[in-house]
Amino acid sequence: MVIFDVETSTPEETREIAKSFAEKVQKGDIVYIEGELGVGKTEFVRGFVLYHGVKLIRSPSFTVVFEHRSKFGFPIYHIDLYRFTGDFIELLERGIIDIFEKKNGIVLVEWADRIEEFYSPHYRVSIQRPKDAKRRIKIEAL
């Protein structure tokens, strides 16, 4: 079921859509965020965690996982799998399996196509940038 299917023109608009979406997501949910490099995935995450009271985030491209604390008392895990080479053992070694299994927070995964064979999300966020400067954001509940 499609929740949002909108175009945004600025990073601020992208963050606002993400904040609206964040109101719907519950503890235990997994959100896959898809899109090409530089399309605004991390900006979307920035808006999502702003709703939860987190003011500053960095892209975890090198760290792979950042844990943020929601103002509602649970963790939000921001996972960036851009550099992930893709086997189950590496997911275990990096503690990512534990994050999925705990269900004690919300899990946001950038470049989730690299682990789709292991886990299914509750939501899928697809961000595309057509030839104009706008972003198209489609969010589906699965």
Protein backbone atom coordinates (compact mmCIF):
# COMPACT_ATOMS: atom_id res chain seq x y z
CA MET A 1 0.00 0.00 0.00
CA VAL A 2 1.40 3.39 -1.00
CA ILE A 3 1.56 5.87 1.90
CA PHE A 4 3.29 8.76 0.14
CA ASP A 5 4.07 9.41 -3.51
CA VAL A 6 5.31 12.99 -3.75
CA GLU A 7 7.89 15.22 -5.35
CA THR A 8 10.16 17.49 -3.34
CA SER A 9 12.29 20.36 -4.62
CA THR A 10 14.54 21.01 -1.62
CA PRO A 11 16.28 19.08 1.15
CA GLU A 12 13.92 20.79 3.62
CA GLU A 13 10.87 19.39 1.80
CA THR A 14 12.45 15.93 1.81
CA ARG A 15 13.00 16.19 5.57
CA GLU A 16 9.37 17.28 6.09
CA ILE A 17 8.05 14.22 4.22
CA ALA A 18 10.36 12.03 6.31
CA LYS A 19 9.07 13.61 9.54
CA SER A 20 5.46 12.95 8.49
CA PHE A 21 6.37 9.35 7.69
CA ALA A 22 8.20 8.95 11.03
CA GLU A 23 4.92 9.54 12.88
CA LYS A 24 3.58 6.28 11.37
CA VAL A 25 6.59 4.03 12.01
CA GLN A 26 6.65 2.05 15.26
CA LYS A 27 9.26 0.42 17.41
CA GLY A 28 10.20 -2.92 15.83
CA ASP A 29 9.72 -1.71 12.26
CA ILE A 30 12.33 -2.04 9.51
CA VAL A 31 12.50 0.61 6.78
CA TYR A 32 14.46 0.08 3.57
CA ILE A 33 15.56 3.27 1.82
CA GLU A 34 16.49 2.90 -1.83
CA GLY A 35 17.93 5.24 -4.42
CA GLU A 36 21.07 6.02 -6.34
CA LEU A 37 24.11 7.67 -4.82
CA GLY A 38 23.46 11.30 -3.94
CA VAL A 39 19.68 11.17 -4.38
CA GLY A 40 18.91 12.19 -0.77
CA LYS A 41 18.66 8.98 1.29
CA THR A 42 20.64 10.41 4.20
CA GLU A 43 18.66 13.66 4.01
CA PHE A 44 15.51 11.57 4.35
CA VAL A 45 16.98 9.84 7.41
CA ARG A 46 17.91 13.25 8.82
CA GLY A 47 14.25 14.32 8.65
CA PHE A 48 13.07 11.01 10.10
CA VAL A 49 15.29 11.28 13.18
CA LEU A 50 14.46 14.98 13.61
CA TYR A 51 10.91 13.88 14.37
CA HIS A 52 12.43 11.70 17.11
CA GLY A 53 14.39 14.61 18.60
CA VAL A 54 17.80 13.80 17.10
CA LYS A 55 19.38 17.03 15.88
CA LEU A 56 22.61 15.94 14.21
CA ILE A 57 23.43 12.88 12.13
CA ARG A 58 26.23 11.87 9.83
CA SER A 59 26.12 9.29 7.09
CA PRO A 60 27.42 5.99 8.46
CA SER A 61 29.05 5.01 5.15
CA PHE A 62 32.33 4.10 6.83
CA THR A 63 30.96 3.17 10.25
CA VAL A 64 28.04 1.17 8.77
CA VAL A 65 25.77 1.61 11.83
CA PHE A 66 24.90 4.64 13.94
CA GLU A 67 22.56 4.32 16.87
CA HIS A 68 20.45 7.33 17.82
CA ARG A 69 18.15 7.63 20.83
CA SER A 70 14.56 8.63 20.11
CA LYS A 71 12.89 11.12 22.46
CA PHE A 72 10.36 8.31 22.91
CA GLY A 73 12.98 6.17 24.69
CA PHE A 74 14.05 3.61 22.11
CA PRO A 75 16.95 3.37 19.63
CA ILE A 76 16.87 4.23 15.97
CA TYR A 77 19.50 2.31 14.03
CA HIS A 78 20.75 3.99 10.87
CA ILE A 79 22.52 1.40 8.74
CA ASP A 80 24.34 2.31 5.52
CA LEU A 81 25.34 -0.74 3.47
CA TYR A 82 27.00 1.12 0.61
CA ARG A 83 30.34 -0.56 1.35
CA PHE A 84 28.81 -3.91 2.36
CA THR A 85 30.21 -6.82 0.36
CA GLY A 86 27.32 -9.06 1.16
CA ASP A 87 27.40 -12.28 3.11
CA PHE A 88 25.60 -13.43 6.22
CA ILE A 89 28.85 -13.85 8.18
CA GLU A 90 29.72 -10.18 7.72
CA LEU A 91 26.23 -9.21 8.94
CA LEU A 92 26.86 -11.31 12.06
CA GLU A 93 30.33 -9.88 12.63
CA ARG A 94 29.11 -6.29 12.36
CA GLY A 95 26.23 -6.92 14.78
CA ILE A 96 23.60 -6.15 12.16
CA ILE A 97 21.79 -9.45 12.67
CA ASP A 98 21.40 -8.61 16.37
CA ILE A 99 19.87 -5.25 15.49
CA PHE A 100 17.25 -6.89 13.26
CA GLU A 101 16.49 -9.64 15.75
CA LYS A 102 16.13 -7.42 18.86
CA LYS A 103 13.18 -5.45 17.51
CA ASN A 104 13.82 -2.93 20.29
CA GLY A 105 13.88 0.11 18.02
CA ILE A 106 13.40 1.31 14.47
CA VAL A 107 15.85 0.18 11.79
CA LEU A 108 16.53 2.46 8.79
CA VAL A 109 18.63 0.79 6.08
CA GLU A 110 20.25 2.60 3.15
CA TRP A 111 21.36 0.39 0.23
CA ALA A 112 19.04 -2.32 1.56
CA ASP A 113 19.07 -4.19 -1.75
CA ARG A 114 22.30 -5.77 -0.46
CA ILE A 115 20.48 -7.67 2.30
CA GLU A 116 16.97 -8.20 0.88
CA GLU A 117 17.56 -11.93 0.70
CA PHE A 118 17.99 -12.01 4.51
CA TYR A 119 15.26 -9.68 5.81
CA SER A 120 11.98 -8.18 4.68
CA PRO A 121 11.07 -4.62 5.59
CA HIS A 122 7.82 -3.23 6.94
CA TYR A 123 8.26 -0.16 4.71
CA ARG A 124 10.11 0.63 1.52
CA VAL A 125 11.14 4.20 0.69
CA SER A 126 12.19 4.76 -2.91
CA ILE A 127 13.84 8.06 -3.80
CA GLN A 128 14.45 8.92 -7.43
CA ARG A 129 15.75 12.02 -9.09
CA PRO A 130 14.30 12.49 -12.56
CA LYS A 131 16.09 14.76 -15.00
CA ASP A 132 14.74 17.90 -13.33
CA ALA A 133 15.96 19.01 -9.90
CA LYS A 134 13.05 17.43 -8.01
CA ARG A 135 13.09 14.22 -6.00
CA ARG A 136 10.28 11.70 -6.26
CA ILE A 137 9.68 9.94 -2.95
CA LYS A 138 7.46 6.88 -2.83
CA ILE A 139 6.80 5.16 0.49
CA GLU A 140 5.05 1.81 0.67
CA ALA A 141 3.84 -0.27 3.58
CA LEU A 142 4.60 -3.91 2.87
